[in-house]
């Protein structure tokens, strides 16, 4: 028996393993892109709560690109929300130079609120 055979009907190669022929399948490769913290959190969410979507993205070779896009969207949203909330609450560089602890406390509060919004709207949606 041949180790590899080609099926003209479906265009697949098959490999002999033991007594059976199994299709030689590989997932398409995609360009390696760094995924940030938001993308990693969304990836974990997909693995745990949306396994069918995660597997579809992984097998199609689009997972990294999708996660990089989610990461960029989340980071832009986070930056915009923090900037808008700081402006609305009157948190300025003047406050930072006069009362640093008050500025840090207010900015931490704003970032926590912004993180919750990003989680709700993008990461866990």
Protein backbone atom coordinates (compact mmCIF):
# COMPACT_ATOMS: atom_id res chain seq x y z
CA UNK A 1 0.00 0.00 0.00
CA UNK A 2 1.18 3.47 -0.78
CA UNK A 3 2.09 5.75 2.16
CA UNK A 4 0.34 8.75 0.49
CA UNK A 5 -2.51 8.83 -2.00
CA UNK A 6 -4.27 11.71 -3.73
CA UNK A 7 -8.05 11.82 -4.18
CA UNK A 8 -8.99 13.67 -7.39
CA UNK A 9 -12.61 14.05 -6.27
CA UNK A 10 -11.88 16.34 -3.34
CA UNK A 11 -8.26 17.35 -4.01
CA UNK A 12 -6.90 16.01 -0.72
CA UNK A 13 -3.84 13.96 0.06
CA UNK A 14 -4.23 11.02 2.43
CA UNK A 15 -1.56 9.39 4.61
CA UNK A 16 -1.57 5.74 5.61
CA UNK A 17 -1.46 5.39 9.39
CA UNK A 18 -1.80 1.82 10.53
CA UNK A 19 -4.54 0.30 8.36
CA UNK A 20 -6.39 3.53 7.61
CA UNK A 21 -5.87 6.55 5.37
CA UNK A 22 -6.27 9.90 7.13
CA UNK A 23 -6.47 13.24 5.30
CA UNK A 24 -3.34 15.42 5.49
CA UNK A 25 -4.89 18.59 6.88
CA UNK A 26 -3.09 21.65 8.17
CA UNK A 27 -4.45 24.94 9.40
CA UNK A 28 -3.58 27.89 7.19
CA UNK A 29 -0.69 29.93 8.51
CA UNK A 30 -1.06 33.61 9.14
CA UNK A 31 1.38 36.42 9.63
CA UNK A 32 2.65 36.52 13.22
CA UNK A 33 1.30 39.63 14.96
CA UNK A 34 1.76 40.63 18.58
CA UNK A 35 -1.49 40.49 20.53
CA UNK A 36 -1.86 42.88 23.46
CA UNK A 37 -3.53 42.42 26.81
CA UNK A 38 -7.04 43.22 25.52
CA UNK A 39 -6.70 40.69 22.72
CA UNK A 40 -5.45 38.06 25.14
CA UNK A 41 -8.41 38.65 27.44
CA UNK A 42 -10.82 38.33 24.52
CA UNK A 43 -9.06 35.13 23.40
CA UNK A 44 -9.54 33.63 26.87
CA UNK A 45 -13.22 34.64 26.77
CA UNK A 46 -13.66 32.99 23.37
CA UNK A 47 -11.98 29.79 24.57
CA UNK A 48 -14.19 29.51 27.65
CA UNK A 49 -17.55 30.86 26.45
CA UNK A 50 -17.55 30.76 22.63
CA UNK A 51 -15.53 27.66 21.68
CA UNK A 52 -17.21 27.27 18.28
CA UNK A 53 -16.26 30.82 17.24
CA UNK A 54 -12.75 30.38 18.64
CA UNK A 55 -12.22 27.15 16.70
CA UNK A 56 -13.64 28.64 13.50
CA UNK A 57 -11.24 31.59 13.73
CA UNK A 58 -8.33 29.34 14.64
CA UNK A 59 -8.93 26.84 11.83
CA UNK A 60 -9.48 29.56 9.23
CA UNK A 61 -6.17 31.19 10.20
CA UNK A 62 -7.80 34.49 11.13
CA UNK A 63 -7.52 34.35 14.93
CA UNK A 64 -4.41 36.51 15.39
CA UNK A 65 -5.64 39.19 12.99
CA UNK A 66 -9.01 39.24 14.75
CA UNK A 67 -7.40 39.52 18.19
CA UNK A 68 -5.07 42.32 17.05
CA UNK A 69 -8.10 44.22 15.73
CA UNK A 70 -9.99 43.71 19.02
CA UNK A 71 -6.90 44.84 20.94
CA UNK A 72 -6.62 48.05 18.90
CA UNK A 73 -10.32 48.84 19.24
CA UNK A 74 -10.26 48.27 22.99
CA UNK A 75 -7.11 50.37 23.50
CA UNK A 76 -8.54 53.26 21.45
CA UNK A 77 -11.82 53.10 23.37
CA UNK A 78 -9.97 53.00 26.70
CA UNK A 79 -7.85 56.04 25.81
CA UNK A 80 -10.86 58.00 24.58
CA UNK A 81 -13.00 57.23 27.63
CA UNK A 82 -10.20 58.11 30.09
CA UNK A 83 -9.55 61.38 28.28
CA UNK A 84 -13.24 62.33 28.15
CA UNK A 85 -13.93 61.40 31.77
CA UNK A 86 -10.86 63.27 33.03
CA UNK A 87 -11.92 66.34 31.09
CA UNK A 88 -15.51 66.10 32.35
CA UNK A 89 -14.35 65.79 35.98
CA UNK A 90 -11.87 68.65 35.64
CA UNK A 91 -8.77 66.57 36.29
CA UNK A 92 -5.86 68.57 34.89
CA UNK A 93 -2.10 68.76 35.01
CA UNK A 94 -2.52 71.62 37.50
CA UNK A 95 -4.18 69.21 39.95
CA UNK A 96 -1.37 66.73 39.32
CA UNK A 97 1.28 69.31 40.24
CA UNK A 98 -0.54 70.57 43.35
CA UNK A 99 -2.05 67.39 44.83
CA UNK A 100 -0.54 64.27 43.34
CA UNK A 101 -2.34 61.77 45.56
CA UNK A 102 -5.75 63.22 44.72
CA UNK A 103 -4.86 63.12 41.01
CA UNK A 104 -3.71 59.49 41.23
CA UNK A 105 -6.85 58.46 43.10
CA UNK A 106 -9.16 60.14 40.60
CA UNK A 107 -7.28 58.78 37.60
CA UNK A 108 -7.32 55.24 39.04
CA UNK A 109 -11.07 55.56 39.53
CA UNK A 110 -11.53 56.76 35.94
CA UNK A 111 -9.37 53.95 34.57
CA UNK A 112 -11.33 51.34 36.54
CA UNK A 113 -14.60 52.70 35.15
CA UNK A 114 -13.20 52.81 31.63
CA UNK A 115 -11.89 49.24 31.97
CA UNK A 116 -15.38 48.06 32.95
CA UNK A 117 -16.89 49.77 29.91
CA UNK A 118 -14.33 48.29 27.54
CA UNK A 119 -14.85 44.84 29.05
CA UNK A 120 -18.60 45.09 28.65
CA UNK A 121 -18.66 46.61 25.17
CA UNK A 122 -15.77 44.84 23.44
CA UNK A 123 -14.05 42.08 25.38
CA UNK A 124 -17.02 40.14 26.72
CA UNK A 125 -19.53 40.99 23.97
